[in-house]
N, C-alpha and C. Protein backbone atom coordinates (compact mmCIF):
# COMPACT_ATOMS: atom_id res chain seq x y z
N MET A 1 1.32 14.54 16.90
CA MET A 1 0.80 15.89 16.88
C MET A 1 -0.51 15.93 17.67
N ARG A 2 -0.68 16.98 18.40
CA ARG A 2 -1.89 17.12 19.19
C ARG A 2 -3.07 17.50 18.30
N PHE A 3 -4.24 17.03 18.68
CA PHE A 3 -5.44 17.30 17.90
C PHE A 3 -5.74 18.80 17.85
N SER A 4 -5.39 19.53 18.90
CA SER A 4 -5.65 20.97 18.93
C SER A 4 -4.80 21.72 17.91
N LYS A 5 -3.74 21.12 17.42
CA LYS A 5 -2.86 21.77 16.45
C LYS A 5 -3.23 21.43 15.00
N PHE A 6 -4.24 20.60 14.80
CA PHE A 6 -4.62 20.20 13.45
C PHE A 6 -5.18 21.39 12.68
N PHE A 7 -5.07 21.28 11.37
CA PHE A 7 -5.52 22.33 10.45
C PHE A 7 -7.03 22.53 10.53
N ALA A 8 -7.78 21.47 10.60
CA ALA A 8 -9.24 21.55 10.56
C ALA A 8 -9.84 21.24 11.93
N LYS A 9 -10.92 21.86 12.18
CA LYS A 9 -11.66 21.61 13.41
C LYS A 9 -12.95 20.87 13.07
N THR A 10 -13.52 20.23 14.07
CA THR A 10 -14.80 19.56 13.86
C THR A 10 -15.91 20.61 13.77
N LYS A 11 -17.02 20.21 13.18
CA LYS A 11 -18.15 21.12 13.03
C LYS A 11 -19.29 20.65 13.92
N ARG A 12 -19.99 21.58 14.51
CA ARG A 12 -21.10 21.23 15.39
C ARG A 12 -22.35 20.87 14.59
N GLN A 13 -22.56 21.55 13.48
CA GLN A 13 -23.77 21.31 12.69
C GLN A 13 -23.47 20.32 11.57
N ILE A 14 -24.46 19.51 11.26
CA ILE A 14 -24.34 18.57 10.15
C ILE A 14 -24.51 19.34 8.85
N PRO A 15 -23.59 19.17 7.88
CA PRO A 15 -23.72 19.88 6.61
C PRO A 15 -25.01 19.49 5.88
N SER A 16 -25.76 20.48 5.46
CA SER A 16 -27.06 20.20 4.82
C SER A 16 -26.91 19.84 3.34
N ASP A 17 -25.79 20.21 2.71
CA ASP A 17 -25.65 19.96 1.27
C ASP A 17 -25.09 18.57 0.96
N GLU A 18 -24.76 17.79 1.97
CA GLU A 18 -24.26 16.43 1.74
C GLU A 18 -25.44 15.48 1.62
N GLU A 19 -25.31 14.52 0.70
CA GLU A 19 -26.40 13.59 0.45
C GLU A 19 -26.29 12.31 1.27
N THR A 20 -25.08 11.77 1.40
CA THR A 20 -24.92 10.49 2.07
C THR A 20 -24.58 10.70 3.54
N PRO A 21 -25.01 9.78 4.38
CA PRO A 21 -24.68 9.89 5.81
C PRO A 21 -23.17 9.84 6.05
N GLY A 22 -22.45 9.03 5.27
CA GLY A 22 -21.00 8.93 5.44
C GLY A 22 -20.30 10.24 5.14
N ALA A 23 -20.71 10.91 4.08
CA ALA A 23 -20.11 12.19 3.72
C ALA A 23 -20.40 13.24 4.79
N LYS A 24 -21.61 13.21 5.33
CA LYS A 24 -21.95 14.16 6.40
C LYS A 24 -21.05 13.96 7.61
N LEU A 25 -20.83 12.71 7.98
CA LEU A 25 -20.00 12.43 9.15
C LEU A 25 -18.54 12.79 8.90
N LEU A 26 -18.02 12.51 7.70
CA LEU A 26 -16.62 12.82 7.40
C LEU A 26 -16.37 14.32 7.42
N VAL A 27 -17.31 15.11 6.89
CA VAL A 27 -17.16 16.56 6.90
C VAL A 27 -17.30 17.08 8.32
N LYS A 28 -18.29 16.59 9.04
CA LYS A 28 -18.54 17.05 10.41
C LYS A 28 -17.37 16.73 11.33
N ALA A 29 -16.74 15.56 11.13
CA ALA A 29 -15.64 15.14 12.00
C ALA A 29 -14.31 15.77 11.60
N GLY A 30 -14.26 16.47 10.47
CA GLY A 30 -13.02 17.13 10.07
C GLY A 30 -12.05 16.24 9.33
N PHE A 31 -12.53 15.14 8.75
CA PHE A 31 -11.66 14.27 7.95
C PHE A 31 -11.46 14.85 6.55
N VAL A 32 -12.52 15.43 5.98
CA VAL A 32 -12.47 16.00 4.63
C VAL A 32 -13.21 17.33 4.62
N SER A 33 -12.92 18.13 3.61
CA SER A 33 -13.70 19.34 3.37
C SER A 33 -14.19 19.29 1.93
N LYS A 34 -15.39 19.77 1.71
CA LYS A 34 -15.99 19.70 0.38
C LYS A 34 -15.46 20.83 -0.49
N LEU A 35 -14.95 20.46 -1.66
CA LEU A 35 -14.45 21.44 -2.62
C LEU A 35 -15.54 21.79 -3.63
N ALA A 36 -16.21 20.78 -4.16
CA ALA A 36 -17.32 20.93 -5.09
C ALA A 36 -18.11 19.64 -5.03
N SER A 37 -19.15 19.53 -5.81
CA SER A 37 -19.97 18.33 -5.80
C SER A 37 -19.13 17.11 -6.17
N GLY A 38 -18.96 16.21 -5.23
CA GLY A 38 -18.20 14.99 -5.47
C GLY A 38 -16.70 15.14 -5.33
N LEU A 39 -16.21 16.34 -5.02
CA LEU A 39 -14.77 16.58 -4.87
C LEU A 39 -14.49 17.01 -3.43
N TYR A 40 -13.55 16.32 -2.81
CA TYR A 40 -13.23 16.59 -1.41
C TYR A 40 -11.73 16.75 -1.23
N ASN A 41 -11.34 17.61 -0.30
CA ASN A 41 -9.96 17.74 0.13
C ASN A 41 -9.78 16.86 1.36
N PHE A 42 -8.71 16.08 1.39
CA PHE A 42 -8.40 15.32 2.59
C PHE A 42 -7.67 16.23 3.56
N LEU A 43 -8.21 16.39 4.74
CA LEU A 43 -7.58 17.17 5.79
C LEU A 43 -6.61 16.27 6.55
N PRO A 44 -5.79 16.81 7.45
CA PRO A 44 -4.76 15.98 8.10
C PRO A 44 -5.28 14.68 8.71
N LEU A 45 -6.38 14.73 9.42
CA LEU A 45 -6.91 13.52 10.04
C LEU A 45 -7.37 12.51 8.99
N GLY A 46 -8.01 12.99 7.93
CA GLY A 46 -8.45 12.11 6.86
C GLY A 46 -7.28 11.52 6.09
N LEU A 47 -6.23 12.32 5.88
CA LEU A 47 -5.05 11.82 5.17
C LEU A 47 -4.32 10.77 5.99
N MET A 48 -4.23 10.98 7.29
CA MET A 48 -3.61 9.96 8.16
C MET A 48 -4.40 8.67 8.10
N SER A 49 -5.72 8.77 8.11
CA SER A 49 -6.57 7.57 8.03
C SER A 49 -6.40 6.88 6.69
N LEU A 50 -6.34 7.66 5.61
CA LEU A 50 -6.15 7.09 4.28
C LEU A 50 -4.82 6.35 4.18
N LYS A 51 -3.76 6.94 4.72
CA LYS A 51 -2.44 6.28 4.70
C LYS A 51 -2.46 4.99 5.50
N LYS A 52 -3.16 4.99 6.63
CA LYS A 52 -3.24 3.78 7.46
C LYS A 52 -4.01 2.68 6.74
N ILE A 53 -5.08 3.04 6.05
CA ILE A 53 -5.86 2.06 5.28
C ILE A 53 -5.01 1.49 4.15
N LYS A 54 -4.28 2.37 3.43
CA LYS A 54 -3.41 1.90 2.35
C LYS A 54 -2.33 0.96 2.87
N LYS A 55 -1.78 1.27 4.04
CA LYS A 55 -0.75 0.41 4.63
C LYS A 55 -1.33 -0.96 4.98
N THR A 56 -2.52 -0.98 5.56
CA THR A 56 -3.17 -2.24 5.92
C THR A 56 -3.47 -3.07 4.68
N ILE A 57 -3.97 -2.42 3.63
CA ILE A 57 -4.24 -3.14 2.38
C ILE A 57 -2.95 -3.68 1.79
N GLY A 58 -1.87 -2.90 1.84
CA GLY A 58 -0.58 -3.36 1.33
C GLY A 58 -0.08 -4.58 2.07
N ILE A 59 -0.25 -4.60 3.38
CA ILE A 59 0.16 -5.76 4.18
C ILE A 59 -0.64 -6.98 3.78
N GLU A 60 -1.96 -6.82 3.64
CA GLU A 60 -2.81 -7.95 3.27
C GLU A 60 -2.52 -8.43 1.84
N LEU A 61 -2.23 -7.49 0.93
CA LEU A 61 -1.88 -7.89 -0.44
C LEU A 61 -0.56 -8.65 -0.45
N GLY A 62 0.34 -8.29 0.46
CA GLY A 62 1.63 -8.98 0.54
C GLY A 62 1.49 -10.43 0.97
N LYS A 63 0.43 -10.76 1.67
CA LYS A 63 0.18 -12.13 2.12
C LYS A 63 -0.36 -13.00 0.99
N ALA A 64 -1.01 -12.40 0.01
CA ALA A 64 -1.60 -13.14 -1.11
C ALA A 64 -0.68 -13.02 -2.33
N PRO A 65 -0.79 -13.96 -3.25
CA PRO A 65 0.05 -13.88 -4.46
C PRO A 65 -0.54 -12.92 -5.50
N VAL A 66 -0.59 -11.64 -5.15
CA VAL A 66 -1.14 -10.64 -6.06
C VAL A 66 -0.19 -9.46 -6.15
N CYS A 67 -0.40 -8.63 -7.15
CA CYS A 67 0.41 -7.42 -7.34
C CYS A 67 -0.50 -6.20 -7.33
N GLU A 68 -0.01 -5.14 -6.76
CA GLU A 68 -0.74 -3.88 -6.74
C GLU A 68 -0.40 -3.11 -8.01
N ILE A 69 -1.39 -2.44 -8.59
CA ILE A 69 -1.16 -1.61 -9.77
C ILE A 69 -1.70 -0.21 -9.50
N LEU A 70 -1.24 0.73 -10.29
CA LEU A 70 -1.72 2.11 -10.22
C LEU A 70 -2.05 2.55 -11.64
N THR A 71 -3.28 2.93 -11.87
CA THR A 71 -3.71 3.34 -13.20
C THR A 71 -3.98 4.84 -13.21
N PRO A 72 -3.90 5.48 -14.37
CA PRO A 72 -4.17 6.92 -14.44
C PRO A 72 -5.65 7.22 -14.21
N ILE A 73 -5.90 8.40 -13.74
CA ILE A 73 -7.28 8.81 -13.51
C ILE A 73 -7.97 9.17 -14.82
N LEU A 74 -7.24 9.83 -15.71
CA LEU A 74 -7.80 10.25 -17.00
C LEU A 74 -7.28 9.34 -18.11
N HIS A 75 -8.18 8.97 -19.00
CA HIS A 75 -7.82 8.14 -20.15
C HIS A 75 -8.20 8.86 -21.43
N PRO A 76 -7.44 8.65 -22.51
CA PRO A 76 -7.82 9.27 -23.79
C PRO A 76 -9.17 8.73 -24.28
N ALA A 77 -9.95 9.60 -24.89
CA ALA A 77 -11.28 9.20 -25.39
C ALA A 77 -11.16 8.15 -26.48
N LYS A 78 -10.02 8.10 -27.17
CA LYS A 78 -9.82 7.13 -28.25
C LYS A 78 -10.02 5.70 -27.74
N PHE A 79 -9.50 5.39 -26.56
CA PHE A 79 -9.64 4.05 -26.01
C PHE A 79 -11.10 3.71 -25.77
N TRP A 80 -11.87 4.67 -25.30
CA TRP A 80 -13.29 4.46 -25.03
C TRP A 80 -14.07 4.30 -26.33
N LYS A 81 -13.70 5.08 -27.35
CA LYS A 81 -14.39 4.98 -28.65
C LYS A 81 -14.06 3.65 -29.33
N ASP A 82 -12.79 3.22 -29.27
CA ASP A 82 -12.39 1.96 -29.90
C ASP A 82 -13.11 0.76 -29.29
N SER A 83 -13.37 0.81 -28.00
CA SER A 83 -14.02 -0.31 -27.33
C SER A 83 -15.54 -0.23 -27.35
N GLY A 84 -16.09 0.89 -27.87
CA GLY A 84 -17.54 1.05 -27.93
C GLY A 84 -18.16 1.50 -26.62
N ARG A 85 -17.35 1.87 -25.65
CA ARG A 85 -17.88 2.29 -24.35
C ARG A 85 -18.12 3.79 -24.26
N PHE A 86 -17.71 4.54 -25.26
CA PHE A 86 -17.86 5.99 -25.20
C PHE A 86 -19.33 6.40 -25.17
N ARG A 87 -20.18 5.71 -25.97
CA ARG A 87 -21.62 6.01 -25.96
C ARG A 87 -22.22 5.73 -24.59
N ILE A 88 -21.77 4.64 -23.96
CA ILE A 88 -22.27 4.31 -22.62
C ILE A 88 -21.86 5.40 -21.64
N TRP A 89 -20.63 5.88 -21.76
CA TRP A 89 -20.13 6.94 -20.87
C TRP A 89 -20.95 8.21 -21.04
N LEU A 90 -21.32 8.54 -22.28
CA LEU A 90 -22.12 9.74 -22.51
C LEU A 90 -23.49 9.64 -21.88
N SER A 91 -24.01 8.42 -21.70
CA SER A 91 -25.31 8.27 -21.05
C SER A 91 -25.24 8.60 -19.57
N PHE A 92 -24.02 8.64 -19.00
CA PHE A 92 -23.83 9.02 -17.60
C PHE A 92 -23.51 10.50 -17.46
N SER A 93 -23.68 11.27 -18.52
CA SER A 93 -23.35 12.69 -18.47
C SER A 93 -24.39 13.44 -17.63
N VAL A 94 -24.00 14.60 -17.19
CA VAL A 94 -24.86 15.42 -16.34
C VAL A 94 -25.50 16.51 -17.20
N CYS A 95 -26.81 16.52 -17.28
CA CYS A 95 -27.57 17.52 -18.03
C CYS A 95 -27.10 17.61 -19.48
N GLY A 96 -26.70 16.49 -20.06
CA GLY A 96 -26.27 16.49 -21.45
C GLY A 96 -24.86 16.96 -21.69
N HIS A 97 -24.12 17.29 -20.63
CA HIS A 97 -22.74 17.75 -20.79
C HIS A 97 -21.78 16.62 -20.42
N VAL A 98 -20.67 16.55 -21.12
CA VAL A 98 -19.66 15.55 -20.81
C VAL A 98 -19.08 15.86 -19.44
N LEU A 99 -18.88 14.83 -18.64
CA LEU A 99 -18.42 15.03 -17.27
C LEU A 99 -17.04 15.66 -17.19
N CYS A 100 -16.14 15.29 -18.07
CA CYS A 100 -14.78 15.83 -17.98
C CYS A 100 -14.21 16.02 -19.38
N ARG A 101 -13.79 17.21 -19.68
CA ARG A 101 -13.15 17.50 -20.96
C ARG A 101 -11.98 18.44 -20.67
N LEU A 102 -10.82 18.07 -21.14
CA LEU A 102 -9.63 18.88 -20.89
C LEU A 102 -9.11 19.48 -22.19
N ARG A 103 -8.59 20.68 -22.09
CA ARG A 103 -7.91 21.30 -23.23
C ARG A 103 -6.50 21.61 -22.77
N LEU A 104 -5.55 21.26 -23.59
CA LEU A 104 -4.16 21.49 -23.24
C LEU A 104 -3.73 22.88 -23.69
N GLU A 105 -4.15 23.88 -22.95
CA GLU A 105 -3.84 25.26 -23.30
C GLU A 105 -2.38 25.59 -23.06
N TRP A 106 -1.73 24.89 -22.18
CA TRP A 106 -0.34 25.20 -21.88
C TRP A 106 0.57 24.90 -23.07
N LEU A 107 0.10 24.10 -24.04
CA LEU A 107 0.92 23.81 -25.22
C LEU A 107 1.16 25.07 -26.06
N ARG A 108 0.26 26.02 -26.01
CA ARG A 108 0.44 27.25 -26.77
C ARG A 108 1.60 28.08 -26.26
N PHE A 109 1.95 27.92 -24.99
CA PHE A 109 3.00 28.74 -24.40
C PHE A 109 4.38 28.09 -24.47
N HIS A 110 4.46 26.85 -24.93
CA HIS A 110 5.76 26.16 -24.97
C HIS A 110 6.27 26.05 -26.38
């Protein structure tokens, strides 16, 4: 696919709301777009790069006697409380609020 047909275009100005130099370059080059603080959408060029990196890592893992695993992003709080790490996690909260809390509202409709 031609670069001119890509979904995202490069930006001339460096984003002022980015903190790290790497994030500034990725947004400016059109690899990712910022959704919220710490959350990014992978644009076509960034997704192609991510797939290439994953492929390279897979090839290298295949050479060593190791196995690749995939773990969930969200874990039940019970596991953290049982291991005593929940208090430590709360110390990483932002302004006294828990970083992530989900409510299963869709259960009411089923």
